[in-house]
Amino acid sequence: MALSYKARRRWSLVILLIGLPLYITVAVNVVEMIDRPPFWLELLIFVGLGFLWMLPFKFVFRGIGQADPDAPKDDDAV
């Protein structure tokens, strides 16, 4: 099931504005539950989790910064 450009833009906003803060909250709480590891290990955990959150949503964010491919072409623009 392919999402339209507008649907992907909307879902990307939902993911960034609602999903990402929730994910950060959960990640911080999980790291705190393991009794505050050394700084270098904590840094590696957060960097790893920072990349891990975006993998399932890669298809949603692909091409969002580009112009709408479904928009009508304006031939009069110079």
C-alpha atoms as a PDB file:
ATOM      1  CA  MET A   1       0.000   0.000   0.000  1.00  0.00           C
ATOM      2  CA  ALA A   2       1.693   3.179  -1.195  1.00  0.00           C
ATOM      3  CA  LEU A   3       0.957   6.422   0.611  1.00  0.00           C
ATOM      4  CA  SER A   4       0.365   9.594  -1.331  1.00  0.00           C
ATOM      5  CA  TYR A   5       2.746  12.513  -0.941  1.00  0.00           C
ATOM      6  CA  LYS A   6       0.261  14.448   1.218  1.00  0.00           C
ATOM      7  CA  ALA A   7      -0.382  11.438   3.438  1.00  0.00           C
ATOM      8  CA  ARG A   8       3.351  10.905   3.931  1.00  0.00           C
ATOM      9  CA  ARG A   9       3.765  14.597   4.869  1.00  0.00           C
ATOM     10  CA  ARG A  10       0.982  14.340   7.438  1.00  0.00           C
ATOM     11  CA  TRP A  11       2.307  11.104   8.902  1.00  0.00           C
ATOM     12  CA  SER A  12       5.822  12.533   9.093  1.00  0.00           C
ATOM     13  CA  LEU A  13       4.486  15.457  11.162  1.00  0.00           C
ATOM     14  CA  VAL A  14       2.616  13.096  13.482  1.00  0.00           C
ATOM     15  CA  ILE A  15       5.712  10.948  13.910  1.00  0.00           C
ATOM     16  CA  LEU A  16       7.990  13.918  14.596  1.00  0.00           C
ATOM     17  CA  LEU A  17       5.651  15.889  16.858  1.00  0.00           C
ATOM     18  CA  ILE A  18       4.040  13.061  18.846  1.00  0.00           C
ATOM     19  CA  GLY A  19       5.954   9.836  18.285  1.00  0.00           C
ATOM     20  CA  LEU A  20       9.506  11.107  18.675  1.00  0.00           C
ATOM     21  CA  PRO A  21       8.972  12.816  22.060  1.00  0.00           C
ATOM     22  CA  LEU A  22       7.251   9.668  23.344  1.00  0.00           C
ATOM     23  CA  TYR A  23      10.136   7.536  22.071  1.00  0.00           C
ATOM     24  CA  ILE A  24      12.689   9.832  23.754  1.00  0.00           C
ATOM     25  CA  THR A  25      10.795   9.614  27.042  1.00  0.00           C
ATOM     26  CA  VAL A  26      10.700   5.819  26.890  1.00  0.00           C
ATOM     27  CA  ALA A  27      14.393   5.600  25.906  1.00  0.00           C
ATOM     28  CA  VAL A  28      15.489   7.832  28.795  1.00  0.00           C
ATOM     29  CA  ASN A  29      13.383   5.850  31.264  1.00  0.00           C
ATOM     30  CA  VAL A  30      14.797   2.535  30.034  1.00  0.00           C
ATOM     31  CA  VAL A  31      18.384   3.785  30.378  1.00  0.00           C
ATOM     32  CA  GLU A  32      17.623   5.109  33.865  1.00  0.00           C
ATOM     33  CA  MET A  33      16.255   1.695  34.873  1.00  0.00           C
ATOM     34  CA  ILE A  34      19.672   0.096  34.310  1.00  0.00           C
ATOM     35  CA  ASP A  35      21.257   2.198  37.100  1.00  0.00           C
ATOM     36  CA  ARG A  36      22.944   4.905  35.063  1.00  0.00           C
ATOM     37  CA  PRO A  37      25.726   3.205  33.067  1.00  0.00           C
ATOM     38  CA  PRO A  38      29.092   4.901  32.441  1.00  0.00           C
ATOM     39  CA  PHE A  39      28.982   7.975  30.236  1.00  0.00           C
ATOM     40  CA  TRP A  40      30.509   6.325  27.165  1.00  0.00           C
ATOM     41  CA  LEU A  41      28.049   3.406  27.327  1.00  0.00           C
ATOM     42  CA  GLU A  42      25.119   5.748  27.879  1.00  0.00           C
ATOM     43  CA  LEU A  43      26.237   7.803  24.870  1.00  0.00           C
ATOM     44  CA  LEU A  44      26.458   4.672  22.701  1.00  0.00           C
ATOM     45  CA  ILE A  45      22.990   3.569  23.830  1.00  0.00           C
ATOM     46  CA  PHE A  46      21.417   6.932  22.991  1.00  0.00           C
ATOM     47  CA  VAL A  47      23.180   7.162  19.614  1.00  0.00           C
ATOM     48  CA  GLY A  48      22.030   3.629  18.782  1.00  0.00           C
ATOM     49  CA  LEU A  49      18.464   4.351  19.850  1.00  0.00           C
ATOM     50  CA  GLY A  50      18.600   7.607  17.887  1.00  0.00           C
ATOM     51  CA  PHE A  51      19.195   5.690  14.686  1.00  0.00           C
ATOM     52  CA  LEU A  52      16.909   2.814  15.604  1.00  0.00           C
ATOM     53  CA  TRP A  53      13.718   4.921  15.853  1.00  0.00           C
ATOM     54  CA  MET A  54      13.874   6.064  12.245  1.00  0.00           C
ATOM     55  CA  LEU A  55      14.381   2.709  10.532  1.00  0.00           C
ATOM     56  CA  PRO A  56      10.712   1.642  10.517  1.00  0.00           C
ATOM     57  CA  PHE A  57       9.651   5.084   9.247  1.00  0.00           C
ATOM     58  CA  LYS A  58      12.210   5.436   6.471  1.00  0.00           C
ATOM     59  CA  PHE A  59       9.577   5.044   3.747  1.00  0.00           C
ATOM     60  CA  VAL A  60       7.450   7.825   5.268  1.00  0.00           C
ATOM     61  CA  PHE A  61      10.240  10.401   5.295  1.00  0.00           C
ATOM     62  CA  ARG A  62      11.690   9.574   1.871  1.00  0.00           C
ATOM     63  CA  GLY A  63      11.142  12.494  -0.515  1.00  0.00           C
ATOM     64  CA  ILE A  64       9.255  14.724   1.929  1.00  0.00           C
ATOM     65  CA  GLY A  65      11.642  17.652   1.390  1.00  0.00           C
ATOM     66  CA  GLN A  66      11.085  17.592  -2.380  1.00  0.00           C
ATOM     67  CA  ALA A  67       8.353  19.309  -4.360  1.00  0.00           C
ATOM     68  CA  ASP A  68       5.010  17.520  -4.602  1.00  0.00           C
ATOM     69  CA  PRO A  69       5.327  15.085  -7.524  1.00  0.00           C
ATOM     70  CA  ASP A  70       1.526  14.951  -7.874  1.00  0.00           C
ATOM     71  CA  ALA A  71       1.123  18.718  -8.162  1.00  0.00           C
ATOM     72  CA  PRO A  72       0.217  20.109 -11.587  1.00  0.00           C
ATOM     73  CA  LYS A  73       3.195  21.485 -13.488  1.00  0.00           C
ATOM     74  CA  ASP A  74       3.285  25.263 -13.969  1.00  0.00           C
ATOM     75  CA  ASP A  75       4.490  25.742 -17.567  1.00  0.00           C
ATOM     76  CA  ASP A  76       4.270  29.557 -17.391  1.00  0.00           C
ATOM     77  CA  ALA A  77       7.001  29.876 -14.758  1.00  0.00           C
ATOM     78  CA  VAL A  78      10.238  31.315 -16.074  1.00  0.00           C
END
